[in-house]
Amino acid sequence: MYINERKVVRVSELKTISIQFPQDVYMLALWVLANDLAYSKQHSSTCRTTIHGLSNKLSYLTRIDLKSIKSQFDAAGFSDEAIIEPDDNNHPNDIFQLITGEDEKNSQKN
């Protein structure tokens, strides 16, 4: 089994992994990116989630053993320490729009 030693995983790469239903890992990763962005803005710091952190969240939400979830990431070749980042064509602020379908600036006016 080959583990990708890259330190960054683009969020769209997670579309290929499913735990309970198609693209569930990708959907949670998008939410986590939006949450990291919101936290970073509120605290003037940078918050980044790793594959390890995403695995823990998935285990908690699905009630599936962490070891089982990590084995799926390992099988797909993702390193536990890799940081989840937006795709190159998406600025981190675009994550809000991917989730909600609306622009963050417009929603703050309402």
N, C-alpha and C. Protein backbone atom coordinates (compact mmCIF):
# COMPACT_ATOMS: atom_id res chain seq x y z
N MET A 1 0.85 -1.17 0.00
CA MET A 1 0.00 0.00 0.00
C MET A 1 0.90 1.24 0.00
N TYR A 2 0.66 2.14 -0.94
CA TYR A 2 1.43 3.37 -1.06
C TYR A 2 0.72 4.50 -0.33
N ILE A 3 1.43 5.17 0.57
CA ILE A 3 0.86 6.32 1.28
C ILE A 3 1.46 7.58 0.66
N ASN A 4 0.60 8.48 0.23
CA ASN A 4 1.02 9.73 -0.36
C ASN A 4 1.67 10.59 0.73
N GLU A 5 2.92 10.93 0.58
CA GLU A 5 3.64 11.70 1.59
C GLU A 5 3.48 13.21 1.43
N ARG A 6 2.64 13.63 0.49
CA ARG A 6 2.40 15.07 0.34
C ARG A 6 1.82 15.60 1.64
N LYS A 7 2.11 16.83 1.92
CA LYS A 7 1.63 17.45 3.15
C LYS A 7 0.30 18.16 2.96
N VAL A 8 -0.20 18.22 1.72
CA VAL A 8 -1.46 18.89 1.41
C VAL A 8 -2.34 17.95 0.60
N VAL A 9 -3.61 17.90 0.95
CA VAL A 9 -4.62 17.17 0.17
C VAL A 9 -5.67 18.18 -0.26
N ARG A 10 -5.93 18.24 -1.55
CA ARG A 10 -6.99 19.12 -2.06
C ARG A 10 -8.33 18.47 -1.76
N VAL A 11 -9.28 19.31 -1.35
CA VAL A 11 -10.56 18.79 -0.87
C VAL A 11 -11.26 17.92 -1.92
N SER A 12 -11.14 18.26 -3.19
CA SER A 12 -11.82 17.46 -4.22
C SER A 12 -11.26 16.04 -4.33
N GLU A 13 -10.02 15.83 -3.86
CA GLU A 13 -9.45 14.49 -3.88
C GLU A 13 -10.21 13.54 -2.94
N LEU A 14 -10.95 14.10 -2.00
CA LEU A 14 -11.68 13.29 -1.03
C LEU A 14 -13.02 12.80 -1.56
N LYS A 15 -13.37 13.19 -2.77
CA LYS A 15 -14.63 12.72 -3.37
C LYS A 15 -14.62 11.21 -3.61
N THR A 16 -13.44 10.63 -3.68
CA THR A 16 -13.32 9.20 -3.99
C THR A 16 -13.52 8.30 -2.78
N ILE A 17 -13.57 8.88 -1.58
CA ILE A 17 -13.71 8.08 -0.37
C ILE A 17 -15.12 8.25 0.18
N SER A 18 -15.76 7.14 0.51
CA SER A 18 -17.09 7.18 1.11
C SER A 18 -17.12 6.26 2.32
N ILE A 19 -17.74 6.72 3.37
CA ILE A 19 -17.86 5.93 4.60
C ILE A 19 -19.27 5.36 4.73
N GLN A 20 -20.28 6.23 4.70
CA GLN A 20 -21.67 5.80 4.85
C GLN A 20 -22.47 5.94 3.55
N PHE A 21 -22.17 7.00 2.77
CA PHE A 21 -22.89 7.25 1.53
C PHE A 21 -21.96 8.02 0.58
N PRO A 22 -22.29 8.07 -0.72
CA PRO A 22 -21.39 8.70 -1.69
C PRO A 22 -21.04 10.14 -1.33
N GLN A 23 -19.76 10.45 -1.39
CA GLN A 23 -19.19 11.77 -1.17
C GLN A 23 -19.42 12.33 0.23
N ASP A 24 -19.71 11.49 1.21
CA ASP A 24 -19.90 11.99 2.57
C ASP A 24 -18.63 12.58 3.15
N VAL A 25 -17.49 11.99 2.82
CA VAL A 25 -16.20 12.50 3.31
C VAL A 25 -15.94 13.89 2.71
N TYR A 26 -16.20 14.03 1.42
CA TYR A 26 -16.02 15.32 0.74
C TYR A 26 -16.94 16.38 1.36
N MET A 27 -18.19 16.04 1.59
CA MET A 27 -19.14 17.01 2.16
C MET A 27 -18.69 17.48 3.55
N LEU A 28 -18.25 16.55 4.38
CA LEU A 28 -17.77 16.93 5.70
C LEU A 28 -16.50 17.76 5.59
N ALA A 29 -15.62 17.40 4.67
CA ALA A 29 -14.38 18.16 4.49
C ALA A 29 -14.67 19.60 4.07
N LEU A 30 -15.67 19.80 3.21
CA LEU A 30 -16.06 21.17 2.84
C LEU A 30 -16.54 21.94 4.07
N TRP A 31 -17.37 21.30 4.88
CA TRP A 31 -17.86 21.96 6.10
C TRP A 31 -16.70 22.29 7.03
N VAL A 32 -15.78 21.36 7.18
CA VAL A 32 -14.63 21.59 8.06
C VAL A 32 -13.79 22.76 7.54
N LEU A 33 -13.59 22.84 6.22
CA LEU A 33 -12.84 23.98 5.66
C LEU A 33 -13.54 25.30 5.96
N ALA A 34 -14.86 25.34 5.80
CA ALA A 34 -15.62 26.56 6.10
C ALA A 34 -15.51 26.89 7.58
N ASN A 35 -15.57 25.89 8.43
CA ASN A 35 -15.45 26.10 9.87
C ASN A 35 -14.04 26.61 10.23
N ASP A 36 -13.02 26.02 9.62
CA ASP A 36 -11.64 26.48 9.85
C ASP A 36 -11.49 27.94 9.44
N LEU A 37 -12.08 28.30 8.31
CA LEU A 37 -12.01 29.69 7.84
C LEU A 37 -12.69 30.63 8.82
N ALA A 38 -13.88 30.25 9.28
CA ALA A 38 -14.61 31.10 10.23
C ALA A 38 -13.82 31.25 11.52
N TYR A 39 -13.25 30.17 12.02
CA TYR A 39 -12.46 30.23 13.25
C TYR A 39 -11.25 31.13 13.06
N SER A 40 -10.58 30.97 11.92
CA SER A 40 -9.39 31.76 11.64
C SER A 40 -9.71 33.25 11.59
N LYS A 41 -10.85 33.60 11.00
CA LYS A 41 -11.25 35.01 10.93
C LYS A 41 -11.56 35.56 12.32
N GLN A 42 -12.25 34.78 13.13
CA GLN A 42 -12.65 35.24 14.46
C GLN A 42 -11.47 35.36 15.41
N HIS A 43 -10.46 34.55 15.24
CA HIS A 43 -9.35 34.51 16.19
C HIS A 43 -8.04 35.05 15.63
N SER A 44 -8.08 35.62 14.44
CA SER A 44 -6.88 36.17 13.80
C SER A 44 -5.72 35.17 13.82
N SER A 45 -6.03 33.95 13.51
CA SER A 45 -5.02 32.91 13.44
C SER A 45 -5.40 31.94 12.32
N THR A 46 -4.56 30.98 12.09
CA THR A 46 -4.84 30.01 11.05
C THR A 46 -5.18 28.67 11.68
N CYS A 47 -6.31 28.13 11.29
CA CYS A 47 -6.77 26.82 11.76
C CYS A 47 -6.80 25.90 10.55
N ARG A 48 -6.11 24.77 10.65
CA ARG A 48 -6.06 23.82 9.54
C ARG A 48 -6.37 22.43 10.06
N THR A 49 -7.17 21.69 9.32
CA THR A 49 -7.52 20.33 9.69
C THR A 49 -6.72 19.34 8.85
N THR A 50 -6.25 18.30 9.50
CA THR A 50 -5.50 17.24 8.83
C THR A 50 -6.43 16.05 8.52
N ILE A 51 -5.90 15.12 7.77
CA ILE A 51 -6.63 13.87 7.52
C ILE A 51 -6.92 13.18 8.85
N HIS A 52 -5.98 13.23 9.77
CA HIS A 52 -6.19 12.66 11.10
C HIS A 52 -7.40 13.32 11.79
N GLY A 53 -7.45 14.64 11.75
CA GLY A 53 -8.57 15.36 12.37
C GLY A 53 -9.90 15.04 11.71
N LEU A 54 -9.89 14.96 10.38
CA LEU A 54 -11.11 14.61 9.65
C LEU A 54 -11.54 13.19 9.99
N SER A 55 -10.58 12.29 10.13
CA SER A 55 -10.88 10.90 10.50
C SER A 55 -11.57 10.84 11.86
N ASN A 56 -11.06 11.62 12.81
CA ASN A 56 -11.68 11.67 14.14
C ASN A 56 -13.11 12.18 14.08
N LYS A 57 -13.34 13.22 13.29
CA LYS A 57 -14.70 13.76 13.15
C LYS A 57 -15.63 12.74 12.52
N LEU A 58 -15.14 12.07 11.48
CA LEU A 58 -15.94 11.03 10.82
C LEU A 58 -16.27 9.89 11.78
N SER A 59 -15.30 9.47 12.56
CA SER A 59 -15.53 8.39 13.52
C SER A 59 -16.60 8.79 14.53
N TYR A 60 -16.51 10.00 15.02
CA TYR A 60 -17.49 10.48 16.00
C TYR A 60 -18.89 10.56 15.38
N LEU A 61 -18.98 11.14 14.19
CA LEU A 61 -20.29 11.34 13.57
C LEU A 61 -20.94 10.05 13.08
N THR A 62 -20.13 9.11 12.60
CA THR A 62 -20.69 7.88 12.04
C THR A 62 -20.75 6.73 13.04
N ARG A 63 -20.07 6.92 14.19
CA ARG A 63 -19.97 5.88 15.22
C ARG A 63 -19.26 4.63 14.68
N ILE A 64 -18.35 4.87 13.74
CA ILE A 64 -17.53 3.81 13.18
C ILE A 64 -16.14 3.93 13.81
N ASP A 65 -15.57 2.79 14.14
CA ASP A 65 -14.26 2.74 14.77
C ASP A 65 -13.23 3.57 13.99
N LEU A 66 -12.46 4.39 14.70
CA LEU A 66 -11.45 5.25 14.09
C LEU A 66 -10.46 4.45 13.25
N LYS A 67 -10.07 3.30 13.74
CA LYS A 67 -9.11 2.46 13.01
C LYS A 67 -9.65 2.06 11.65
N SER A 68 -10.93 1.75 11.59
CA SER A 68 -11.57 1.37 10.33
C SER A 68 -11.59 2.54 9.34
N ILE A 69 -11.90 3.73 9.85
CA ILE A 69 -11.92 4.91 8.98
C ILE A 69 -10.52 5.23 8.50
N LYS A 70 -9.55 5.20 9.39
CA LYS A 70 -8.16 5.48 9.00
C LYS A 70 -7.67 4.48 7.96
N SER A 71 -8.12 3.25 8.06
CA SER A 71 -7.69 2.24 7.08
C SER A 71 -8.20 2.59 5.68
N GLN A 72 -9.36 3.23 5.59
CA GLN A 72 -9.88 3.64 4.28
C GLN A 72 -9.04 4.78 3.70
N PHE A 73 -8.63 5.72 4.55
CA PHE A 73 -7.75 6.79 4.08
C PHE A 73 -6.39 6.21 3.67
N ASP A 74 -5.88 5.27 4.45
CA ASP A 74 -4.60 4.63 4.12
C ASP A 74 -4.70 3.91 2.77
N ALA A 75 -5.79 3.18 2.59
CA ALA A 75 -5.98 2.44 1.34
C ALA A 75 -6.04 3.37 0.13
N ALA A 76 -6.56 4.58 0.35
CA ALA A 76 -6.65 5.56 -0.73
C ALA A 76 -5.33 6.32 -0.91
N GLY A 77 -4.37 6.08 0.01
CA GLY A 77 -3.06 6.68 -0.13
C GLY A 77 -2.87 8.03 0.54
N PHE A 78 -3.73 8.38 1.49
CA PHE A 78 -3.63 9.68 2.16
C PHE A 78 -2.88 9.56 3.49
N SER A 79 -1.91 10.43 3.67
CA SER A 79 -1.13 10.47 4.90
C SER A 79 -1.97 11.10 6.02
N ASP A 80 -1.84 10.57 7.21
CA ASP A 80 -2.56 11.07 8.39
C ASP A 80 -2.25 12.53 8.68
N GLU A 81 -1.03 12.97 8.38
CA GLU A 81 -0.59 14.32 8.72
C GLU A 81 -0.90 15.35 7.65
N ALA A 82 -1.40 14.93 6.49
CA ALA A 82 -1.67 15.86 5.39
C ALA A 82 -2.77 16.85 5.77
N ILE A 83 -2.56 18.11 5.41
CA ILE A 83 -3.51 19.18 5.69
C ILE A 83 -4.51 19.26 4.54
N ILE A 84 -5.78 19.41 4.87
CA ILE A 84 -6.83 19.53 3.86
C ILE A 84 -6.94 21.00 3.48
N GLU A 85 -6.83 21.27 2.17
CA GLU A 85 -6.87 22.62 1.64
C GLU A 85 -7.91 22.71 0.53
N PRO A 86 -8.38 23.93 0.24
CA PRO A 86 -9.26 24.11 -0.92
C PRO A 86 -8.51 23.75 -2.20
N ASP A 87 -9.24 23.49 -3.26
CA ASP A 87 -8.62 23.24 -4.55
C ASP A 87 -7.90 24.50 -5.03
N ASP A 88 -6.95 24.33 -5.93
CA ASP A 88 -6.18 25.46 -6.43
C ASP A 88 -7.08 26.53 -7.06
N ASN A 89 -8.15 26.11 -7.70
CA ASN A 89 -9.02 27.07 -8.36
C ASN A 89 -10.03 27.73 -7.41
N ASN A 90 -10.02 27.35 -6.16
CA ASN A 90 -10.93 27.94 -5.17
C ASN A 90 -10.13 28.70 -4.12
N HIS A 91 -10.46 29.96 -3.95
CA HIS A 91 -9.91 30.72 -2.84
C HIS A 91 -10.61 30.21 -1.58
N PRO A 92 -9.92 30.18 -0.42
CA PRO A 92 -10.59 29.68 0.79
C PRO A 92 -11.93 30.34 1.08
N ASN A 93 -12.10 31.61 0.73
CA ASN A 93 -13.37 32.27 0.97
C ASN A 93 -14.50 31.71 0.10
N ASP A 94 -14.14 31.02 -0.99
CA ASP A 94 -15.16 30.44 -1.86
C ASP A 94 -15.82 29.21 -1.26
N ILE A 95 -15.23 28.65 -0.21
CA ILE A 95 -15.79 27.46 0.42
C ILE A 95 -17.20 27.75 0.92
N PHE A 96 -17.42 28.93 1.50
CA PHE A 96 -18.75 29.31 1.97
C PHE A 96 -19.76 29.21 0.84
N GLN A 97 -19.37 29.70 -0.33
CA GLN A 97 -20.28 29.67 -1.48
C GLN A 97 -20.52 28.24 -1.95
N LEU A 98 -19.51 27.38 -1.89
CA LEU A 98 -19.70 25.99 -2.29
C LEU A 98 -20.74 25.30 -1.41
N ILE A 99 -20.75 25.64 -0.14
CA ILE A 99 -21.67 24.99 0.79
C ILE A 99 -23.08 25.57 0.70
N THR A 100 -23.19 26.89 0.68
CA THR A 100 -24.49 27.54 0.76
C THR A 100 -25.08 27.95 -0.57
N GLY A 101 -24.22 28.11 -1.58
CA GLY A 101 -24.70 28.58 -2.86
C GLY A 101 -24.85 30.08 -2.92
N GLU A 102 -24.44 30.79 -1.88
CA GLU A 102 -24.52 32.24 -1.90
C GLU A 102 -23.20 32.86 -1.47
N ASP A 103 -23.04 34.12 -1.80
CA ASP A 103 -21.81 34.83 -1.48
C ASP A 103 -21.81 35.24 -0.02
N GLU A 104 -20.70 35.02 0.68
CA GLU A 104 -20.59 35.33 2.11
C GLU A 104 -20.86 36.80 2.38
N LYS A 105 -20.35 37.70 1.53
CA LYS A 105 -20.55 39.13 1.73
C LYS A 105 -22.02 39.51 1.64
N ASN A 106 -22.74 38.92 0.67
CA ASN A 106 -24.17 39.21 0.52
C ASN A 106 -24.97 38.70 1.72
N SER A 107 -24.58 37.55 2.25
CA SER A 107 -25.34 36.98 3.38
C SER A 107 -25.13 37.79 4.65
N GLN A 108 -23.99 38.46 4.79
CA GLN A 108 -23.72 39.26 5.96
C GLN A 108 -24.52 40.57 5.94
N LYS A 109 -24.95 41.01 4.77
CA LYS A 109 -25.76 42.23 4.66
C LYS A 109 -27.18 42.00 5.14
N ASN A 110 -27.64 40.75 5.05
CA ASN A 110 -29.04 40.45 5.41
C ASN A 110 -29.21 40.28 6.89
